[in-house]
Protein backbone atom coordinates (compact mmCIF):
# COMPACT_ATOMS: atom_id res chain seq x y z
CA UNK A 1 -4.45 1.37 21.45
CA UNK A 2 -1.79 3.80 22.67
CA UNK A 3 0.07 4.98 19.40
CA UNK A 4 3.81 5.41 19.97
CA UNK A 5 6.34 6.06 16.93
CA UNK A 6 7.10 2.56 15.48
CA UNK A 7 10.73 3.18 16.37
CA UNK A 8 9.70 2.83 20.25
CA UNK A 9 8.04 -0.57 19.63
CA UNK A 10 9.36 -3.63 20.85
CA UNK A 11 8.88 -6.24 17.88
CA UNK A 12 9.11 -10.15 18.72
CA UNK A 13 11.50 -12.15 17.01
CA UNK A 14 10.12 -13.93 14.07
CA UNK A 15 8.83 -17.12 13.55
CA UNK A 16 8.20 -19.44 10.78
CA UNK A 17 4.52 -18.92 9.48
CA UNK A 18 2.29 -21.95 9.37
CA UNK A 19 -0.79 -23.03 7.42
CA UNK A 20 -3.58 -21.20 9.01
CA UNK A 21 -6.98 -19.04 8.35
CA UNK A 22 -8.66 -16.46 10.00
CA UNK A 23 -12.34 -16.00 9.07
CA UNK A 24 -15.43 -13.76 9.48
CA UNK A 25 -18.90 -14.89 8.15
CA UNK A 26 -20.71 -12.21 7.47
CA UNK A 27 -24.20 -11.27 6.19
CA UNK A 28 -23.85 -10.63 2.29
CA UNK A 29 -25.12 -7.09 1.62
CA UNK A 30 -27.62 -6.00 -0.28
CA UNK A 31 -27.35 -6.60 -4.24
CA UNK A 32 -24.29 -4.38 -5.41
CA UNK A 33 -25.37 -0.64 -6.80
CA UNK A 34 -24.22 -0.25 -10.39
CA UNK A 35 -21.46 1.77 -10.62
CA UNK A 36 -21.65 5.86 -10.57
CA UNK A 37 -19.87 6.88 -13.75
CA UNK A 38 -16.08 7.93 -13.68
CA UNK A 39 -16.54 11.56 -14.02
CA UNK A 40 -12.76 12.35 -13.88
CA UNK A 41 -12.16 10.46 -17.05
CA UNK A 42 -12.58 13.90 -19.16
CA UNK A 43 -11.70 16.33 -16.54
CA UNK A 44 -8.34 18.00 -15.82
CA UNK A 45 -7.03 16.55 -12.49
CA UNK A 46 -5.77 19.03 -9.89
CA UNK A 47 -1.71 18.82 -9.04
CA UNK A 48 -2.62 18.10 -5.31
CA UNK A 49 -4.85 16.78 -2.81
CA UNK A 50 -5.16 18.46 0.50
CA UNK A 51 -5.87 15.91 3.77
CA UNK A 52 -7.49 17.90 6.83
CA UNK A 53 -5.90 18.04 10.09
CA UNK A 54 -2.35 18.76 11.80
CA UNK A 55 -2.17 15.22 12.56
CA UNK A 56 -3.46 13.19 9.57
CA UNK A 57 -0.18 11.79 8.77
CA UNK A 58 -1.64 9.89 5.58
CA UNK A 59 0.15 6.80 4.61
CA UNK A 60 -1.95 4.36 2.51
CA UNK A 61 -4.26 5.80 -0.79
CA UNK A 62 -6.37 3.65 -3.68
CA UNK A 63 -8.52 4.78 -6.25
CA UNK A 64 -11.57 3.39 -7.44
CA UNK A 65 -11.80 3.85 -11.60
CA UNK A 66 -15.63 3.24 -11.61
CA UNK A 67 -16.55 5.95 -9.44
CA UNK A 68 -13.27 8.17 -9.56
CA UNK A 69 -13.43 8.47 -5.75
CA UNK A 70 -9.63 8.41 -4.14
CA UNK A 71 -9.50 6.65 -0.53
CA UNK A 72 -6.56 7.74 2.23
CA UNK A 73 -5.80 6.50 5.24
CA UNK A 74 -4.01 7.95 8.54
CA UNK A 75 -1.19 6.56 10.45
CA UNK A 76 -1.95 8.80 13.39
CA UNK A 77 -5.35 7.43 14.04
CA UNK A 78 -7.94 5.13 12.11
CA UNK A 79 -9.44 7.41 10.21
CA UNK A 80 -10.30 6.85 6.40
CA UNK A 81 -10.53 9.92 4.05
CA UNK A 82 -12.62 9.72 0.53
CA UNK A 83 -12.56 12.57 -1.97
CA UNK A 84 -13.31 12.68 -5.83
CA UNK A 85 -9.88 12.82 -8.20
CA UNK A 86 -11.69 15.83 -10.17
CA UNK A 87 -11.78 18.07 -6.51
CA UNK A 88 -8.73 19.10 -4.22
CA UNK A 89 -9.93 18.47 -1.14
CA UNK A 90 -10.32 14.71 0.83
CA UNK A 91 -12.66 14.53 3.45
CA UNK A 92 -13.14 12.18 6.58
CA UNK A 93 -15.06 9.21 5.08
CA UNK A 94 -14.68 6.75 8.16
CA UNK A 95 -13.73 8.53 11.52
CA UNK A 96 -11.17 7.20 13.91
CA UNK A 97 -12.33 4.20 16.19
CA UNK A 98 -15.06 3.16 13.61
CA UNK A 99 -15.17 -1.08 13.66
CA UNK A 100 -12.31 -0.70 16.01
CA UNK A 101 -9.90 0.79 13.79
CA UNK A 102 -6.91 2.30 15.18
CA UNK A 103 -4.63 2.99 12.72
CA UNK A 104 -4.40 2.49 9.20
CA UNK A 105 -1.46 1.04 6.54
CA UNK A 106 -1.83 -0.18 2.93
CA UNK A 107 -5.24 0.54 0.97
CA UNK A 108 -6.31 -1.37 -2.01
CA UNK A 109 -9.64 -1.31 -4.27
CA UNK A 110 -10.91 -4.55 -5.92
CA UNK A 111 -13.18 -4.03 -9.18
CA UNK A 112 -16.43 -4.44 -7.41
CA UNK A 113 -14.97 -1.32 -5.39
CA UNK A 114 -14.54 -3.13 -2.47
CA UNK A 115 -11.93 -1.52 0.14
CA UNK A 116 -9.40 -3.21 1.53
CA UNK A 117 -7.56 -1.54 4.94
CA UNK A 118 -4.18 -2.96 6.76
CA UNK A 119 -3.83 -2.34 10.06
CA UNK A 120 -0.22 -2.01 10.56
CA UNK A 121 0.94 -3.11 14.12
CA UNK A 122 -2.61 -4.29 14.81
CA UNK A 123 -2.31 -6.72 12.74
CA UNK A 124 -5.54 -6.89 11.11
CA UNK A 125 -6.93 -6.48 7.85
CA UNK A 126 -10.48 -5.23 7.00
CA UNK A 127 -12.63 -5.09 3.86
CA UNK A 128 -15.39 -2.78 3.51
CA UNK A 129 -17.92 -2.09 0.88
CA UNK A 130 -17.74 1.30 -0.11
CA UNK A 131 -21.25 1.86 -1.44
CA UNK A 132 -22.28 1.74 1.99
CA UNK A 133 -19.12 1.90 4.17
CA UNK A 134 -20.54 -1.63 6.02
CA UNK A 135 -17.49 -3.45 7.15
CA UNK A 136 -17.71 -7.00 5.45
CA UNK A 137 -14.75 -8.73 7.13
CA UNK A 138 -12.17 -7.98 10.16
CA UNK A 139 -9.43 -10.66 9.66
CA UNK A 140 -6.05 -10.83 11.83
CA UNK A 141 -2.99 -12.08 11.10
CA UNK A 142 0.24 -12.88 12.69
CA UNK A 143 0.95 -12.07 16.14
CA UNK A 144 3.08 -9.22 16.55
CA UNK A 145 3.11 -8.72 12.70
CA UNK A 146 2.45 -5.59 10.66
CA UNK A 147 0.08 -5.69 8.14
CA UNK A 148 1.43 -3.76 5.48
CA UNK A 149 0.59 -2.99 1.63
CA UNK A 150 -2.33 -4.88 -0.01
CA UNK A 151 -2.90 -5.86 -4.20
CA UNK A 152 -5.48 -7.45 -5.65
CA UNK A 153 -5.30 -9.52 -8.54
CA UNK A 154 -8.00 -9.75 -11.52
CA UNK A 155 -9.41 -12.69 -10.00
CA UNK A 156 -10.43 -11.13 -6.80
CA UNK A 157 -7.65 -12.66 -4.70
CA UNK A 158 -5.65 -10.36 -2.69
CA UNK A 159 -2.29 -10.24 -1.11
CA UNK A 160 -0.60 -8.52 1.55
CA UNK A 161 2.72 -8.06 3.18
CA UNK A 162 3.30 -8.55 7.00
CA UNK A 163 6.70 -5.79 7.54
CA UNK A 164 7.36 -7.41 11.01
CA UNK A 165 6.94 -11.04 9.96
CA UNK A 166 8.11 -13.47 7.76
CA UNK A 167 4.49 -13.96 5.90
CA UNK A 168 3.01 -12.76 3.08
CA UNK A 169 -0.96 -13.20 3.15
CA UNK A 170 -3.61 -14.33 1.04
CA UNK A 171 -7.33 -13.22 0.98
CA UNK A 172 -10.22 -14.77 -0.91
CA UNK A 173 -13.83 -14.88 -0.25
CA UNK A 174 -16.24 -17.60 -0.52
CA UNK A 175 -19.83 -16.15 -0.37
CA UNK A 176 -20.20 -14.23 2.29
CA UNK A 177 -16.98 -15.99 4.21
CA UNK A 178 -13.85 -14.46 3.78
CA UNK A 179 -10.21 -16.08 4.84
CA UNK A 180 -7.01 -14.50 5.42
CA UNK A 181 -4.38 -17.32 4.86
CA UNK A 182 -0.66 -17.44 5.85
CA UNK A 183 0.27 -18.59 2.20
CA UNK A 184 3.77 -17.81 1.87
CA UNK A 185 6.68 -18.64 4.63
CA UNK A 186 9.18 -16.37 3.88
CA UNK A 187 11.35 -17.78 6.40
CA UNK A 188 11.82 -20.53 3.38
CA UNK A 189 12.86 -18.33 0.75
CA UNK A 190 15.51 -16.93 -0.41
CA UNK A 191 14.59 -13.41 1.00
CA UNK A 192 16.65 -11.95 3.28
CA UNK A 193 15.08 -10.74 6.53
CA UNK A 194 16.32 -8.38 9.82
CA UNK A 195 14.09 -9.06 12.51
CA UNK A 196 12.44 -5.58 14.18
CA UNK A 197 12.88 -3.31 10.93
CA UNK A 198 10.81 -2.79 7.70
CA UNK A 199 11.16 -5.51 5.49
CA UNK A 200 8.58 -6.75 2.53
CA UNK A 201 6.50 -3.57 2.10
CA UNK A 202 5.10 -2.72 -1.12
CA UNK A 203 3.49 -5.44 -3.30
CA UNK A 204 1.71 -5.47 -6.94
CA UNK A 205 0.40 -8.19 -8.94
CA UNK A 206 1.04 -8.43 -12.56
CA UNK A 207 -0.35 -11.65 -14.09
CA UNK A 208 0.40 -15.11 -12.51
CA UNK A 209 3.41 -13.26 -10.38
CA UNK A 210 3.42 -10.47 -7.49
CA UNK A 211 6.31 -8.36 -7.43
CA UNK A 212 7.26 -7.10 -3.49
CA UNK A 213 10.55 -5.15 -2.49
CA UNK A 214 12.22 -5.33 0.69
CA UNK A 215 12.33 -1.59 1.96
CA UNK A 216 15.80 -2.58 4.08
CA UNK A 217 17.78 -4.22 1.39
CA UNK A 218 16.65 -2.49 -1.55
CA UNK A 219 15.60 -6.12 -3.28
CA UNK A 220 12.94 -6.64 -5.92
CA UNK A 221 11.35 -9.82 -5.73
CA UNK A 222 9.46 -12.04 -8.10
CA UNK A 223 6.77 -14.40 -6.64
CA UNK A 224 4.55 -17.23 -8.57
CA UNK A 225 1.39 -16.94 -7.64
CA UNK A 226 0.71 -20.61 -8.08
CA UNK A 227 3.97 -22.38 -7.10
CA UNK A 228 4.89 -20.07 -4.42
CA UNK A 229 8.82 -19.80 -6.28
CA UNK A 230 10.60 -16.71 -5.36
CA UNK A 231 13.12 -14.90 -7.92
CA UNK A 232 15.29 -11.82 -6.97
CA UNK A 233 14.74 -9.64 -10.01
CA UNK A 234 18.03 -8.46 -11.35
CA UNK A 235 18.15 -4.71 -11.32
CA UNK A 236 21.48 -4.90 -12.60
CA UNK A 237 23.26 -3.54 -9.24
CA UNK A 238 20.70 -1.07 -8.36
CA UNK A 239 18.95 -1.16 -5.33
CA UNK A 240 15.58 0.20 -4.31
CA UNK A 241 15.90 0.84 -0.54
CA UNK A 242 13.40 2.63 1.26
CA UNK A 243 10.98 1.46 -1.31
CA UNK A 244 7.49 1.45 -0.32
CA UNK A 245 4.04 1.68 -2.04
CA UNK A 246 4.28 -0.34 -5.79
CA UNK A 247 2.11 0.36 -9.35
CA UNK A 248 2.36 -1.17 -12.46
CA UNK A 249 1.56 0.22 -15.86
CA UNK A 250 2.59 -0.64 -19.16
CA UNK A 251 5.66 -3.05 -18.76
CA UNK A 252 6.94 -0.29 -15.98
CA UNK A 253 7.25 -0.82 -12.28
CA UNK A 254 6.54 2.53 -9.98
CA UNK A 255 8.57 2.33 -7.02
CA UNK A 256 7.79 5.10 -4.22
CA UNK A 257 10.92 5.60 -2.25
CA UNK A 258 10.88 7.67 1.10
CA UNK A 259 13.31 7.47 3.21
CA UNK A 260 12.63 6.14 6.44
CA UNK A 261 16.06 4.64 7.02
CA UNK A 262 17.98 7.76 6.49
CA UNK A 263 19.99 6.52 3.39
CA UNK A 264 22.47 8.97 2.82
CA UNK A 265 22.18 10.86 -0.83
CA UNK A 266 18.41 9.44 -1.75
CA UNK A 267 16.11 11.78 -2.31
CA UNK A 268 12.59 10.97 -2.06
CA UNK A 269 11.25 9.91 -5.58
CA UNK A 270 8.94 7.64 -7.66
CA UNK A 271 11.55 5.02 -9.22
CA UNK A 272 10.52 4.05 -12.86
CA UNK A 273 11.84 0.61 -13.62
CA UNK A 274 11.60 -1.10 -17.14
CA UNK A 275 10.74 -4.78 -16.57
CA UNK A 276 11.16 -7.69 -18.69
CA UNK A 277 8.58 -9.72 -20.00
CA UNK A 278 9.33 -12.45 -17.66
CA UNK A 279 9.52 -9.95 -15.08
CA UNK A 280 12.96 -11.27 -13.65
CA UNK A 281 14.95 -8.40 -14.87
CA UNK A 282 14.35 -4.49 -14.37
CA UNK A 283 16.14 -1.72 -15.31
CA UNK A 284 16.11 1.87 -13.46
CA UNK A 285 15.60 4.52 -16.24
CA UNK A 286 13.51 7.31 -14.96
CA UNK A 287 12.24 8.89 -11.75
CA UNK A 288 9.58 11.41 -10.82
CA UNK A 289 9.51 14.15 -8.30
CA UNK A 290 7.47 17.21 -8.32
CA UNK A 291 8.05 20.47 -8.23
CA UNK A 292 9.17 21.35 -4.43
CA UNK A 293 9.87 17.25 -3.81
CA UNK A 294 8.06 14.62 -2.00
CA UNK A 295 7.28 14.86 1.74
CA UNK A 296 8.25 11.15 2.48
CA UNK A 297 6.11 9.65 -0.07
CA UNK A 298 4.69 6.34 0.57
CA UNK A 299 1.88 4.83 -1.57
CA UNK A 300 1.05 5.33 -4.73
CA UNK A 301 -1.81 4.69 -6.99
CA UNK A 302 -2.18 5.39 -11.15
CA UNK A 303 -5.35 7.07 -12.54
CA UNK A 304 -5.56 7.92 -16.40
CA UNK A 305 -2.20 9.71 -17.15
CA UNK A 306 -1.35 10.81 -13.50
CA UNK A 307 0.32 8.73 -10.45
CA UNK A 308 -1.23 10.00 -7.72
CA UNK A 309 1.35 9.95 -4.60
CA UNK A 310 0.83 10.30 -0.63
CA UNK A 311 3.32 12.95 1.31
CA UNK A 312 2.82 10.87 4.27
CA UNK A 313 5.53 12.69 6.48
CA UNK A 314 5.80 8.91 8.45
CA UNK A 315 9.22 9.56 9.01
CA UNK A 316 8.20 12.29 11.09
CA UNK A 317 5.82 10.57 13.06
CA UNK A 318 7.87 7.63 14.04
CA UNK A 319 10.14 9.82 15.54
CA UNK A 320 7.31 11.73 17.37
CA UNK A 321 7.96 15.00 15.95
CA UNK A 322 4.92 17.32 14.09
CA UNK A 323 5.26 17.53 10.62
CA UNK A 324 7.58 19.35 9.06
CA UNK A 325 4.70 20.91 6.55
CA UNK A 326 0.84 21.29 6.43
CA UNK A 327 -1.32 21.15 4.95
CA UNK A 328 -0.73 17.44 4.34
CA UNK A 329 -1.27 16.55 0.75
CA UNK A 330 -1.45 13.82 -1.86
CA UNK A 331 0.54 15.11 -5.20
CA UNK A 332 -0.92 14.22 -8.59
CA UNK A 333 2.01 14.14 -11.43
CA UNK A 334 1.77 13.88 -15.03
CA UNK A 335 3.23 10.38 -15.50
CA UNK A 336 5.17 12.23 -18.53
CA UNK A 337 6.93 14.22 -16.52
CA UNK A 338 9.09 11.34 -15.42
CA UNK A 339 12.89 12.51 -15.72
CA UNK A 340 15.20 10.10 -17.46
CA UNK A 341 18.07 8.58 -15.20
C-alpha cells in the first residue's frame, strides 16, 4: 500500500461491532524447540538500543524473557527488528513486505515465544513462531480499523485494541486454528469515543481484567475478561492524555505518554500509577523520563529491573516530517529512576 501519514488518511464513521470471527488454519509447526537460556538475567543491560535506518520510525516493542530477545516494529514499513537485551543494537529480523506486511503497530510475545504483530490501518494481526520466523496466522479485523496494541493473558488468550473502530478483539487458538473475535462492542459501553481520532490504545491483562487507556480523553478503563463489564478507573481527576503502551509490574501500571495530540505542557514520559487491589482506582505517583528526555515514546516492556521504551518519533511520521534525531533508539531505564510527583 502507499503509506501516508495517518493525519491524511480518511477514516470511515464507526459502526457497532458484531460477533464474528476471522480464521486461518495452518499446519502445526515442528515440535517447539526448548527455550534458549535468558542470558540477560545476570548481565548489565545497555541504556539504549539503536534501531538502524533513517526512516525506521519504530513503534511497537516486546521482549521474550525466555531468550532475552527484544523485538521492535516499524511504522514506516513492515520491517521487524530483533536484538538481544544485553547488546545495544537491533537488526532486521523479518524484512518489509514479508508475508504481505507493510506496516506494524503493537507487538506482544506469549509464554511460548510466539510473536503477535499488529498491522495498524491494514486492520491485520499476525502471529509468528520466533524460533524459525514462520507465519502461523494472518487474521483480519473490522474494515477501516486500526489494530493497535496487544496483550496476552496467562492462559494464552490475546486481546487487541482497535484505535479507529469501537471494538476490542480476542484472539484464541485451538490446535492449529486461530480465531480473531470481535469480542467487545465498545459502542455499547461507557467508553467515550471520538470518530476519526485515536481512541483506545494501550492494553494490558491483569488477572481476570484488562486495563486500557483512551489516548484521546486520557481515561483509563477496567474491563472484566469474563463478563465484559466496563468501569472507568478513578484516577482522582488525573487524566492520562496521549496514553499509549501499558505495562504492569507489582501493583503499578506504567503508562507511556507521547504527545500525539500536542497537549499543552505535557512532557513525554512514562507515568507510574499505583493501582488499588481491585483495579477500580489509581493514583498517579511517579514519572520516568530518561536523561535528555524521550522522543515521542510509544510502547514499552519491562525486563528485570528496567523499563524498555521505544522512541518512535511518531509525531514526526504522521506529519510527514523527517526524524528529529538520529539514530532511532529504544531507551532502557531503571525502574528505580522513577521520580515521585
